[in-house]
């Protein structure tokens, strides 16, 4: 069935709305103009591309939202089918917006009656067919880029590596101290106060952000009896700042494309698409939040995702950029607490493209002062060395240049963790930019010498009734290969496959009596380390990646790569 002409469609508009629409479209009218003349003048003006573009650009946000939803649903929707829209805007706002658009001559209300899964529908909003291709092009178009800093900017904030340092402080504190969660699975108030005292921002809000990201990245875990233990710190804090920041970002992104199956993850898919736009930018280019929102919406519009499209707002974009801002991947332009725009940093460009930044001449990493304080240039250090340094010191303050301090207490805690004199002094001498003061070396040696080192371990003892029987067994290769060491005239420590050893000795007429283990020994022998899924240890391989998507951290959770691959295969055909 052929579509109606523009003039025929405008006949459904009330005369009162026609008069208002003519004024809105800059048409001079009088009360004596007939309905036919009004329709003719309005249709002629609507066909003018410049006037049409001006009208589209003058639409309010709520009007664009309603028109976008209608366009994505073939131009017409009933009240019931607009329920996703009504989750964001009230019923009254919906009616007022529909009334405003009718007065602008863009939509009409069509009366109808049919029974659907939503019930009996009696009316629907319908975009005039003439506007459908123009609105499709309008919503699909990428926004114009304005690389200059937003005009209303009051402050520019670059978090640098402050979040990573705060996370290191948290994990090093857990490593050195016995921390047990409360019954509500929260850190005890005393431990919170101790940890946040040296953080870049010693507030409860900052601590909540740090511990949330630490838990999500798997830097610590909660084990038996609610004890908190470092989980994957030795894999997470390896490399330079951009490498560690990329691992944290990977843990924040969705791990599979399942999040694209429903519209229930608006922040996740907003961040995925925001990363695509940020990868196209340069460190000199500012991207406003409004531009980023429109860019993400244009992508979702092309994918025909109305439920996702309607949920992407400026507030949603700002929320999705929280992790990149905290990691120093982007710096933000603010007016008060409102984020106006972002710009990719040098570290952020390396994270998003998975390419190391330009190498600078090696600078000082840290040096020890005679008063036992250590001045640390954190941006110049590899994070495995920075983590080791925090394990043997107490934090004083963290900033662009951080200050740590060696104390007898910090050295004793490091020894409790298994570090020895060579591990502590050897590390300081090897990594320090300047020689270690002699008084510091003597003090560390003195503190270490006050400690007696011993080991407590669960072993399997093999005991014979007399010394001669053990000597005879030690001659046998089948037995000797299981012996670790002899601890008495009739006793040795054995290891390996004990069941096989028992079977072999019984064949040699050696009857073995096995004593029952108590519960603690049985639990110690049967305990195994949990097998964690290391999302950041080795990034998943995605085959046939489009060239402009190589190195993107969102490969495992972004559907855009599938669309690019499909478009490329169709182009080859």
Protein backbone atom coordinates (compact mmCIF):
# COMPACT_ATOMS: atom_id res chain seq x y z
CA UNK A 1 0.00 0.00 0.00
CA UNK A 2 1.61 3.32 -1.07
CA UNK A 3 2.28 5.92 1.61
CA UNK A 4 0.19 9.06 1.73
CA UNK A 5 1.64 12.30 0.44
CA UNK A 6 2.80 14.91 2.94
CA UNK A 7 -0.25 17.06 2.22
CA UNK A 8 -2.63 14.15 2.80
CA UNK A 9 -0.95 13.36 6.13
CA UNK A 10 -1.17 16.97 7.28
CA UNK A 11 -4.93 16.80 6.78
CA UNK A 12 -5.06 14.76 10.02
CA UNK A 13 -3.65 17.74 11.96
CA UNK A 14 -6.18 19.95 13.76
CA UNK A 15 -6.50 23.53 12.48
CA UNK A 16 -5.32 24.91 15.83
CA UNK A 17 -2.18 22.78 15.63
CA UNK A 18 -1.70 23.78 11.98
CA UNK A 19 -1.63 27.46 12.89
CA UNK A 20 0.91 26.86 15.66
CA UNK A 21 3.05 24.64 13.37
CA UNK A 22 3.12 27.32 10.66
CA UNK A 23 4.40 29.86 13.17
CA UNK A 24 7.02 27.39 14.42
CA UNK A 25 8.19 26.75 10.85
CA UNK A 26 8.46 30.55 10.23
CA UNK A 27 5.38 30.88 8.04
CA UNK A 28 3.38 34.10 8.22
CA UNK A 29 -0.32 33.26 8.50
CA UNK A 30 -3.57 35.08 9.12
CA UNK A 31 -6.83 33.93 10.58
CA UNK A 32 -8.40 34.06 7.13
CA UNK A 33 -6.13 31.35 5.64
CA UNK A 34 -8.01 28.17 4.81
CA UNK A 35 -6.95 24.76 5.97
CA UNK A 36 -5.84 23.80 2.46
CA UNK A 37 -3.62 26.87 2.14
CA UNK A 38 -2.08 26.25 5.55
CA UNK A 39 -1.30 22.65 4.61
CA UNK A 40 0.21 23.73 1.29
CA UNK A 41 2.48 26.37 2.87
CA UNK A 42 3.53 24.06 5.71
CA UNK A 43 4.34 21.15 3.37
CA UNK A 44 6.43 23.44 1.17
CA UNK A 45 8.41 24.71 4.16
CA UNK A 46 8.89 21.20 5.56
CA UNK A 47 10.53 20.15 2.31
CA UNK A 48 13.19 22.84 2.75
CA UNK A 49 16.30 21.07 4.12
CA UNK A 50 17.77 24.09 5.96
CA UNK A 51 14.52 24.86 7.77
CA UNK A 52 14.01 21.19 8.60
CA UNK A 53 17.53 20.94 10.06
CA UNK A 54 16.93 24.07 12.15
CA UNK A 55 13.73 22.60 13.57
CA UNK A 56 15.37 19.27 14.41
CA UNK A 57 18.25 21.00 16.18
CA UNK A 58 15.82 23.12 18.24
CA UNK A 59 14.07 20.07 19.71
CA UNK A 60 14.37 19.59 23.47
CA UNK A 61 15.96 16.47 24.96
CA UNK A 62 12.64 14.91 25.89
CA UNK A 63 11.25 15.60 22.40
CA UNK A 64 14.29 13.93 20.84
CA UNK A 65 13.86 10.95 23.15
CA UNK A 66 10.24 10.45 22.14
CA UNK A 67 10.96 10.92 18.43
CA UNK A 68 13.91 8.52 18.65
CA UNK A 69 11.79 5.83 20.29
CA UNK A 70 9.09 6.25 17.65
CA UNK A 71 11.62 6.18 14.80
CA UNK A 72 13.21 2.98 16.14
CA UNK A 73 9.76 1.38 16.22
CA UNK A 74 8.81 2.09 12.60
CA UNK A 75 7.36 5.50 13.38
CA UNK A 76 4.36 4.55 15.54
CA UNK A 77 3.84 3.37 19.12
CA UNK A 78 0.87 3.09 21.43
CA UNK A 79 0.75 4.26 25.05
CA UNK A 80 1.34 0.71 26.28
CA UNK A 81 4.33 0.08 24.04
CA UNK A 82 5.88 3.31 25.31
CA UNK A 83 6.30 1.85 28.80
CA UNK A 84 10.14 1.92 28.64
CA UNK A 85 9.87 5.63 27.85
CA UNK A 86 7.51 6.11 30.78
CA UNK A 87 10.06 4.55 33.16
CA UNK A 88 12.21 7.62 32.57
CA UNK A 89 9.57 10.30 32.05
CA UNK A 90 6.26 10.63 33.84
CA UNK A 91 2.86 10.13 32.26
CA UNK A 92 2.26 13.88 32.33
CA UNK A 93 5.60 14.60 30.62
CA UNK A 94 4.72 12.09 27.92
CA UNK A 95 1.38 13.77 27.22
CA UNK A 96 2.90 17.25 27.17
CA UNK A 97 5.71 16.19 24.84
CA UNK A 98 3.26 14.52 22.48
CA UNK A 99 1.17 17.70 22.48
CA UNK A 100 4.22 19.88 21.71
CA UNK A 101 5.29 17.67 18.81
CA UNK A 102 1.76 17.68 17.39
CA UNK A 103 1.82 21.48 17.45
CA UNK A 104 5.11 21.37 15.51
CA UNK A 105 3.51 19.22 12.84
CA UNK A 106 5.92 16.29 13.28
CA UNK A 107 3.64 13.65 14.79
CA UNK A 108 -0.07 12.95 14.83
CA UNK A 109 -2.29 10.96 17.19
CA UNK A 110 -4.00 8.13 15.39
CA UNK A 111 -7.05 6.45 16.86
CA UNK A 112 -7.24 2.72 16.42
CA UNK A 113 -8.45 -0.36 18.25
CA UNK A 114 -6.71 -3.70 18.39
CA UNK A 115 -5.99 -6.37 20.99
CA UNK A 116 -2.31 -7.08 21.68
CA UNK A 117 -0.23 -8.66 24.42
CA UNK A 118 -0.49 -5.34 26.26
CA UNK A 119 -4.28 -5.30 26.14
CA UNK A 120 -6.64 -3.25 23.97
CA UNK A 121 -4.90 -0.28 22.38
CA UNK A 122 -7.05 2.70 21.45
CA UNK A 123 -4.52 5.33 20.34
CA UNK A 124 -0.96 5.62 19.17
CA UNK A 125 1.60 8.28 18.35
CA UNK A 126 2.69 8.30 14.73
CA UNK A 127 5.45 10.26 13.02
CA UNK A 128 4.43 11.74 9.70
CA UNK A 129 5.85 9.35 7.10
CA UNK A 130 7.64 12.14 5.26
CA UNK A 131 9.90 12.75 8.28
CA UNK A 132 10.91 9.11 8.81
CA UNK A 133 13.99 9.02 6.51
CA UNK A 134 15.05 12.48 7.67
CA UNK A 135 14.75 11.57 11.35
CA UNK A 136 16.60 8.29 10.73
CA UNK A 137 19.47 10.24 9.17
CA UNK A 138 19.31 12.81 11.99
CA UNK A 139 19.61 10.23 14.79
CA UNK A 140 22.21 8.12 12.93
CA UNK A 141 24.53 11.05 12.23
CA UNK A 142 27.64 11.40 14.38
CA UNK A 143 27.78 14.66 16.38
CA UNK A 144 30.09 17.44 15.31
CA UNK A 145 33.40 17.37 17.17
CA UNK A 146 34.57 20.40 19.19
CA UNK A 147 38.12 19.61 20.40
CA UNK A 148 38.48 22.73 22.54
CA UNK A 149 37.94 22.65 26.30
CA UNK A 150 34.29 23.23 27.40
CA UNK A 151 33.72 26.95 27.99
CA UNK A 152 32.14 26.68 31.45
CA UNK A 153 35.01 24.62 32.87
CA UNK A 154 36.12 25.67 36.36
CA UNK A 155 38.60 22.90 37.18
CA UNK A 156 40.47 20.18 35.29
CA UNK A 157 41.11 17.01 37.32
CA UNK A 158 43.67 14.34 36.44
CA UNK A 159 43.72 11.54 39.01
CA UNK A 160 47.07 10.25 37.66
CA UNK A 161 47.97 7.06 39.58
CA UNK A 162 46.31 8.03 42.88
CA UNK A 163 43.76 5.19 42.77
CA UNK A 164 46.45 2.58 42.08
CA UNK A 165 48.53 3.90 44.99
CA UNK A 166 45.52 3.82 47.32
CA UNK A 167 44.79 0.27 46.19
CA UNK A 168 48.42 -0.67 46.89
CA UNK A 169 48.10 0.82 50.38
CA UNK A 170 44.99 -1.28 50.99
CA UNK A 171 46.55 -4.55 49.78
CA UNK A 172 49.87 -3.99 51.57
CA UNK A 173 48.00 -3.30 54.83
CA UNK A 174 46.04 -6.53 54.42
CA UNK A 175 49.28 -8.39 53.73
CA UNK A 176 50.98 -7.09 56.87
CA UNK A 177 48.06 -7.22 59.31
CA UNK A 178 45.43 -9.67 60.46
CA UNK A 179 42.17 -8.25 59.12
CA UNK A 180 38.81 -9.91 59.68
CA UNK A 181 35.52 -8.69 58.24
CA UNK A 182 32.63 -7.81 60.53
CA UNK A 183 29.43 -9.85 60.58
CA UNK A 184 28.04 -7.57 57.85
CA UNK A 185 31.14 -8.23 55.69
CA UNK A 186 32.60 -4.77 56.14
CA UNK A 187 36.11 -3.74 57.14
CA UNK A 188 36.41 -2.93 60.86
CA UNK A 189 36.34 0.80 61.63
CA UNK A 190 39.81 0.69 63.19
CA UNK A 191 41.35 -0.87 60.09
CA UNK A 192 39.51 1.58 57.83
CA UNK A 193 40.93 4.53 59.76
CA UNK A 194 44.45 3.09 59.56
CA UNK A 195 44.22 2.42 55.82
CA UNK A 196 42.63 5.68 54.71
CA UNK A 197 44.96 7.86 56.82
CA UNK A 198 47.69 7.78 54.16
CA UNK A 199 45.42 7.65 51.11
CA UNK A 200 45.29 10.49 48.60
CA UNK A 201 41.85 11.39 49.97
CA UNK A 202 41.27 10.26 53.54
CA UNK A 203 37.48 10.10 53.39
CA UNK A 204 35.05 7.23 53.82
CA UNK A 205 33.79 7.75 50.25
CA UNK A 206 37.30 7.31 48.86
CA UNK A 207 37.86 4.15 50.88
CA UNK A 208 34.58 2.70 49.61
CA UNK A 209 35.67 3.31 46.01
CA UNK A 210 39.11 1.76 46.59
CA UNK A 211 37.85 -1.36 48.36
CA UNK A 212 35.08 -1.84 45.76
CA UNK A 213 37.56 -1.76 42.87
CA UNK A 214 39.97 -3.97 44.81
CA UNK A 215 37.26 -6.57 45.38
CA UNK A 216 36.06 -6.45 41.76
CA UNK A 217 39.59 -6.84 40.38
CA UNK A 218 40.28 -9.76 42.74
CA UNK A 219 43.15 -8.02 44.55
CA UNK A 220 41.90 -9.47 47.84
CA UNK A 221 39.50 -12.18 48.88
CA UNK A 222 37.59 -13.22 51.98
CA UNK A 223 38.50 -16.70 53.21
CA UNK A 224 37.52 -18.89 56.14
CA UNK A 225 36.32 -17.20 59.30
CA UNK A 226 35.94 -13.92 57.37
CA UNK A 227 39.69 -13.30 57.16
CA UNK A 228 40.84 -10.97 54.38
CA UNK A 229 43.83 -12.11 52.34
CA UNK A 230 45.61 -10.71 49.26
CA UNK A 231 44.45 -12.86 46.35
CA UNK A 232 46.21 -11.91 43.12
CA UNK A 233 48.37 -8.96 44.02
CA UNK A 234 51.48 -10.60 42.55
CA UNK A 235 49.74 -10.87 39.15
CA UNK A 236 47.83 -7.60 39.29
CA UNK A 237 50.63 -5.24 40.33
CA UNK A 238 53.16 -6.12 37.65
CA UNK A 239 54.50 -3.66 35.11
CA UNK A 240 54.22 0.09 34.63
CA UNK A 241 51.21 2.28 35.33
CA UNK A 242 49.50 1.75 31.97
CA UNK A 243 49.75 -2.05 32.30
CA UNK A 244 48.26 -2.13 35.80
CA UNK A 245 45.55 0.39 34.86
CA UNK A 246 44.59 -1.77 31.87
CA UNK A 247 44.19 -4.83 34.12
CA UNK A 248 41.92 -2.89 36.48
CA UNK A 249 39.89 -1.60 33.51
CA UNK A 250 39.52 -5.13 32.13
CA UNK A 251 38.12 -6.30 35.46
CA UNK A 252 35.56 -3.47 35.36
CA UNK A 253 34.35 -4.27 31.84
CA UNK A 254 31.91 -7.04 31.08
CA UNK A 255 33.62 -10.39 30.57
CA UNK A 256 31.28 -11.66 27.84
CA UNK A 257 28.85 -10.27 25.31
CA UNK A 258 25.95 -11.55 27.44
CA UNK A 259 25.47 -8.02 28.79
CA UNK A 260 24.26 -7.04 25.33
CA UNK A 261 21.39 -9.51 25.49
CA UNK A 262 19.28 -7.29 27.74
CA UNK A 263 19.03 -3.55 28.45
CA UNK A 264 19.64 -4.15 32.16
CA UNK A 265 23.32 -3.16 32.03
CA UNK A 266 23.22 0.46 30.80
CA UNK A 267 26.44 1.54 32.48
CA UNK A 268 28.43 -1.39 31.05
CA UNK A 269 27.42 -0.99 27.42
CA UNK A 270 27.72 2.81 27.71
CA UNK A 271 31.34 2.36 28.84
CA UNK A 272 32.02 -0.11 26.02
CA UNK A 273 30.92 2.39 23.39
CA UNK A 274 32.58 5.31 25.18
CA UNK A 275 35.88 3.44 24.88
CA UNK A 276 35.35 3.20 21.10
CA UNK A 277 35.01 6.99 20.87
CA UNK A 278 37.94 7.64 23.21
CA UNK A 279 40.18 5.38 21.10
CA UNK A 280 39.50 7.61 18.10
CA UNK A 281 40.54 10.78 19.96
CA UNK A 282 43.96 12.28 20.66
CA UNK A 283 45.45 13.61 23.94
CA UNK A 284 44.87 17.16 22.62
CA UNK A 285 41.15 16.67 21.92
CA UNK A 286 38.40 17.36 24.44
CA UNK A 287 35.13 15.44 24.13
CA UNK A 288 32.08 16.95 25.78
CA UNK A 289 29.70 14.68 27.67
CA UNK A 290 26.86 15.76 25.38
CA UNK A 291 28.91 14.87 22.30
CA UNK A 292 29.86 11.51 23.81
CA UNK A 293 26.21 10.79 24.63
CA UNK A 294 25.10 11.64 21.09
CA UNK A 295 27.91 9.51 19.62
CA UNK A 296 26.91 6.49 21.72
CA UNK A 297 23.26 7.00 20.84
CA UNK A 298 24.04 7.14 17.13
CA UNK A 299 25.78 3.77 17.42
CA UNK A 300 22.85 2.23 19.30
CA UNK A 301 20.41 3.76 16.82
CA UNK A 302 22.20 2.07 13.93
CA UNK A 303 22.02 -1.21 15.86
CA UNK A 304 18.25 -0.75 16.32
CA UNK A 305 18.40 -0.97 20.13
CA UNK A 306 15.55 1.24 21.42
CA UNK A 307 15.66 0.04 25.05
CA UNK A 308 19.39 0.71 25.28
CA UNK A 309 19.15 3.93 23.28
CA UNK A 310 16.63 5.55 25.63
CA UNK A 311 18.73 4.79 28.75
CA UNK A 312 21.87 6.58 27.55
CA UNK A 313 21.79 10.04 29.12
CA UNK A 314 24.47 12.54 30.15
CA UNK A 315 24.20 11.28 33.74
CA UNK A 316 24.66 7.68 32.53
CA UNK A 317 27.73 8.66 30.49
CA UNK A 318 29.25 10.46 33.49
CA UNK A 319 28.61 7.41 35.69
CA UNK A 320 30.21 5.05 33.15
CA UNK A 321 33.36 7.20 33.00
CA UNK A 322 33.96 6.91 36.75
CA UNK A 323 36.49 4.08 36.46
CA UNK A 324 38.50 5.61 33.54
CA UNK A 325 38.63 8.91 35.45
CA UNK A 326 39.82 7.24 38.66
CA UNK A 327 42.50 5.28 36.77
CA UNK A 328 43.88 8.41 35.11
CA UNK A 329 42.89 7.11 31.65
CA UNK A 330 41.05 10.37 31.01
CA UNK A 331 41.12 13.74 32.72
CA UNK A 332 37.86 15.56 33.39
CA UNK A 333 36.70 19.14 32.97
CA UNK A 334 34.33 20.04 35.81
CA UNK A 335 32.01 22.81 36.82
CA UNK A 336 31.41 22.04 40.46
CA UNK A 337 30.56 18.33 40.56
CA UNK A 338 29.19 18.28 37.01
CA UNK A 339 31.47 16.64 34.45
CA UNK A 340 31.48 18.71 31.24
CA UNK A 341 34.06 16.89 29.13
CA UNK A 342 36.97 14.46 29.11
CA UNK A 343 40.32 14.16 27.38
CA UNK A 344 42.50 11.06 26.99
CA UNK A 345 45.79 11.24 28.89
CA UNK A 346 49.11 9.87 27.67
CA UNK A 347 48.69 6.86 29.95
CA UNK A 348 45.08 6.49 28.80
CA UNK A 349 46.10 6.35 25.14
CA UNK A 350 48.50 3.52 25.99
CA UNK A 351 45.79 1.67 27.96
CA UNK A 352 43.11 1.95 25.27
CA UNK A 353 45.43 0.98 22.41
CA UNK A 354 47.53 -1.51 24.42
CA UNK A 355 50.69 0.20 23.25
CA UNK A 356 53.43 1.39 25.63
CA UNK A 357 53.78 5.18 25.86
CA UNK A 358 56.86 6.95 24.63
CA UNK A 359 59.89 6.13 26.74
CA UNK A 360 61.33 9.02 28.69
CA UNK A 361 64.87 9.20 30.07
CA UNK A 362 65.04 7.14 33.27
CA UNK A 363 64.35 9.30 36.30
CA UNK A 364 64.86 8.71 39.99
CA UNK A 365 62.63 6.01 41.46
CA UNK A 366 63.18 6.42 45.21
CA UNK A 367 65.91 7.22 47.68
CA UNK A 368 66.31 6.57 51.42
CA UNK A 369 67.10 9.44 53.77
CA UNK A 370 69.09 9.17 57.01
CA UNK A 371 65.89 9.74 59.01
CA UNK A 372 64.55 6.45 57.54
CA UNK A 373 62.03 8.23 55.32
CA UNK A 374 61.84 7.14 51.67
CA UNK A 375 60.96 9.66 48.98
CA UNK A 376 59.19 7.78 46.19
CA UNK A 377 58.57 8.96 42.62
CA UNK A 378 55.70 6.56 41.99
CA UNK A 379 55.18 7.41 38.31
CA UNK A 380 58.73 6.24 37.54
CA UNK A 381 58.49 2.88 39.32
CA UNK A 382 57.29 -0.52 38.25
CA UNK A 383 54.41 -1.60 40.43
CA UNK A 384 55.91 -4.89 41.60
CA UNK A 385 58.79 -2.85 43.09
CA UNK A 386 56.40 -0.30 44.55
CA UNK A 387 54.38 -3.09 46.16
CA UNK A 388 57.53 -4.64 47.62
CA UNK A 389 58.57 -1.24 48.96
CA UNK A 390 55.21 -0.78 50.71
CA UNK A 391 55.53 -4.20 52.33
CA UNK A 392 58.70 -3.18 54.18
CA UNK A 393 57.65 0.37 55.13
CA UNK A 394 54.85 2.33 56.77
CA UNK A 395 53.01 4.91 54.61
CA UNK A 396 53.20 8.57 55.58
CA UNK A 397 51.48 10.29 52.65
CA UNK A 398 50.83 9.65 48.96
CA UNK A 399 50.95 12.27 46.23
CA UNK A 400 52.92 12.99 43.07
CA UNK A 401 55.91 12.37 45.34
CA UNK A 402 55.01 9.92 48.12
CA UNK A 403 56.69 9.44 51.47
CA UNK A 404 57.19 6.09 53.21
CA UNK A 405 59.15 5.29 56.36
CA UNK A 406 61.21 2.32 57.49
CA UNK A 407 60.54 1.37 61.12
CA UNK A 408 61.42 -1.57 63.32
CA UNK A 409 57.75 -2.53 63.30
CA UNK A 410 57.56 -2.50 59.49
CA UNK A 411 60.71 -4.64 59.22
CA UNK A 412 59.38 -7.18 61.74
CA UNK A 413 56.09 -7.41 59.79
CA UNK A 414 58.04 -7.96 56.57
CA UNK A 415 59.97 -10.76 58.28
CA UNK A 416 56.69 -12.33 59.41
CA UNK A 417 55.63 -12.38 55.76
CA UNK A 418 58.73 -14.40 54.86
CA UNK A 419 61.20 -11.71 53.78
CA UNK A 420 64.80 -12.00 54.94
CA UNK A 421 67.79 -9.70 55.24
CA UNK A 422 68.87 -10.18 51.63
CA UNK A 423 65.30 -9.64 50.42
CA UNK A 424 65.03 -6.31 52.23
CA UNK A 425 68.50 -4.78 51.99
CA UNK A 426 69.23 -6.33 48.61
CA UNK A 427 66.05 -4.84 47.18
CA UNK A 428 66.75 -1.38 48.61
CA UNK A 429 70.34 -1.32 47.35
CA UNK A 430 69.38 -2.63 43.92
CA UNK A 431 66.41 -0.34 43.22
CA UNK A 432 67.31 2.87 45.06
CA UNK A 433 68.51 5.79 42.95
CA UNK A 434 71.06 6.73 45.62
CA UNK A 435 73.20 4.74 48.09
CA UNK A 436 71.45 3.64 51.29
CA UNK A 437 72.66 5.64 54.34
CA UNK A 438 74.91 3.54 56.57
CA UNK A 439 72.85 4.16 59.70
CA UNK A 440 69.77 2.76 57.92
CA UNK A 441 71.69 -0.34 56.81
CA UNK A 442 73.01 -0.96 60.35
CA UNK A 443 69.55 -0.53 61.88
CA UNK A 444 67.94 -2.98 59.45
CA UNK A 445 70.71 -5.52 60.08
CA UNK A 446 70.23 -5.10 63.83
CA UNK A 447 66.45 -5.54 63.62
CA UNK A 448 66.79 -8.64 61.47
CA UNK A 449 69.42 -10.13 63.82
CA UNK A 450 66.95 -9.93 66.71
CA UNK A 451 64.71 -12.46 64.97
CA UNK A 452 64.97 -16.22 65.23
CA UNK A 453 63.82 -17.97 62.07
CA UNK A 454 62.00 -21.29 62.24
CA UNK A 455 59.54 -23.28 60.16
CA UNK A 456 56.36 -25.00 61.22
CA UNK A 457 55.00 -27.46 58.67
CA UNK A 458 52.90 -30.59 58.41
CA UNK A 459 54.99 -33.61 57.34
CA UNK A 460 54.64 -37.39 57.10
CA UNK A 461 56.93 -39.33 59.44
CA UNK A 462 58.08 -42.87 58.70
CA UNK A 463 59.23 -44.71 61.85
CA UNK A 464 60.68 -48.20 62.33
CA UNK A 465 60.91 -50.20 65.56
CA UNK A 466 64.73 -50.23 65.56
CA UNK A 467 67.69 -48.54 63.90
CA UNK A 468 68.75 -51.62 61.90
CA UNK A 469 65.39 -51.89 60.08
CA UNK A 470 65.65 -48.27 58.93
CA UNK A 471 69.23 -48.78 57.72
CA UNK A 472 68.11 -51.78 55.65
CA UNK A 473 65.26 -49.80 54.10
CA UNK A 474 67.54 -46.87 53.23
CA UNK A 475 69.48 -49.20 50.94
CA UNK A 476 66.40 -49.74 48.76
CA UNK A 477 66.05 -47.19 45.86
CA UNK A 478 62.25 -47.55 45.96
CA UNK A 479 62.27 -46.26 49.54
CA UNK A 480 65.14 -43.78 49.46
CA UNK A 481 63.60 -41.66 46.67
CA UNK A 482 60.71 -40.80 49.03
CA UNK A 483 62.95 -39.73 51.92
CA UNK A 484 63.35 -35.98 52.52
CA UNK A 485 65.68 -36.20 55.51
CA UNK A 486 66.37 -38.31 58.58
CA UNK A 487 65.27 -36.77 61.88
CA UNK A 488 66.23 -39.57 64.29
CA UNK A 489 67.83 -43.02 64.50
CA UNK A 490 64.54 -44.69 63.56
CA UNK A 491 62.59 -41.84 61.89
CA UNK A 492 62.64 -40.12 58.48
CA UNK A 493 60.43 -37.56 56.75
CA UNK A 494 58.90 -38.90 53.53
CA UNK A 495 56.94 -37.34 50.66
CA UNK A 496 55.44 -38.32 47.32
CA UNK A 497 52.89 -41.02 46.53
CA UNK A 498 52.50 -42.58 49.97
CA UNK A 499 49.97 -45.18 48.79
CA UNK A 500 52.44 -46.47 46.20
CA UNK A 501 55.24 -46.47 48.78
CA UNK A 502 53.06 -48.49 51.16
CA UNK A 503 52.24 -51.03 48.45
CA UNK A 504 55.91 -51.44 47.46
CA UNK A 505 57.02 -51.97 51.06
CA UNK A 506 54.30 -54.52 51.72
CA UNK A 507 55.59 -56.54 48.77
CA UNK A 508 58.93 -56.53 50.62
CA UNK A 509 57.20 -57.86 53.77
CA UNK A 510 57.32 -54.50 55.55
CA UNK A 511 54.03 -54.15 57.37
CA UNK A 512 53.06 -50.46 57.78
CA UNK A 513 50.70 -49.24 60.46
CA UNK A 514 49.00 -45.96 59.50
CA UNK A 515 47.88 -43.78 62.38
CA UNK A 516 44.58 -41.94 61.89
CA UNK A 517 44.90 -38.21 61.29
CA UNK A 518 43.08 -35.69 63.38
CA UNK A 519 40.67 -33.27 61.74
CA UNK A 520 43.17 -30.40 61.53
CA UNK A 521 45.79 -32.52 59.75
CA UNK A 522 43.20 -33.88 57.33
CA UNK A 523 41.98 -30.40 56.48
CA UNK A 524 45.55 -29.19 56.00
CA UNK A 525 46.31 -32.03 53.58
CA UNK A 526 43.07 -31.73 51.63
CA UNK A 527 43.11 -27.93 51.34
CA UNK A 528 43.66 -26.64 47.84
CA UNK A 529 44.09 -23.18 46.50
CA UNK A 530 41.03 -21.98 44.56
CA UNK A 531 41.44 -21.81 40.83
CA UNK A 532 40.64 -18.20 39.97
CA UNK A 533 39.66 -17.04 36.52
CA UNK A 534 42.43 -14.61 35.65
CA UNK A 535 40.74 -12.15 33.36
CA UNK A 536 43.72 -9.83 33.35
CA UNK A 537 46.57 -12.37 33.54
CA UNK A 538 46.30 -13.29 29.87
CA UNK A 539 43.82 -11.41 27.75
CA UNK A 540 41.50 -13.59 25.72
CA UNK A 541 42.27 -13.99 22.04
CA UNK A 542 39.59 -12.81 19.65
CA UNK A 543 40.11 -13.94 16.09
CA UNK A 544 39.53 -11.84 12.98
CA UNK A 545 39.59 -8.50 14.82
CA UNK A 546 39.02 -5.42 12.61
CA UNK A 547 42.18 -3.37 12.27
CA UNK A 548 40.79 -0.31 14.06
CA UNK A 549 39.71 -2.49 17.03
CA UNK A 550 43.11 -4.10 17.71
CA UNK A 551 44.27 -3.56 21.27
CA UNK A 552 40.86 -2.41 22.54
CA UNK A 553 40.22 -3.53 26.15
CA UNK A 554 36.51 -4.07 25.42
CA UNK A 555 36.93 -6.79 22.77
CA UNK A 556 35.28 -9.46 24.93
CA UNK A 557 32.19 -7.40 25.77
CA UNK A 558 31.53 -5.24 22.69
CA UNK A 559 29.14 -6.16 19.90
CA UNK A 560 30.46 -3.43 17.62
CA UNK A 561 33.34 -5.70 16.60
CA UNK A 562 30.81 -8.25 15.27
CA UNK A 563 29.05 -5.60 13.21
CA UNK A 564 32.33 -4.32 11.76
CA UNK A 565 33.33 -7.86 10.87
CA UNK A 566 29.97 -8.48 9.18
CA UNK A 567 30.18 -5.19 7.25
CA UNK A 568 33.70 -6.01 6.10
CA UNK A 569 32.69 -9.46 4.84
CA UNK A 570 29.73 -7.98 2.93
CA UNK A 571 32.02 -5.37 1.38
CA UNK A 572 34.38 -8.10 0.15
CA UNK A 573 31.49 -9.89 -1.53
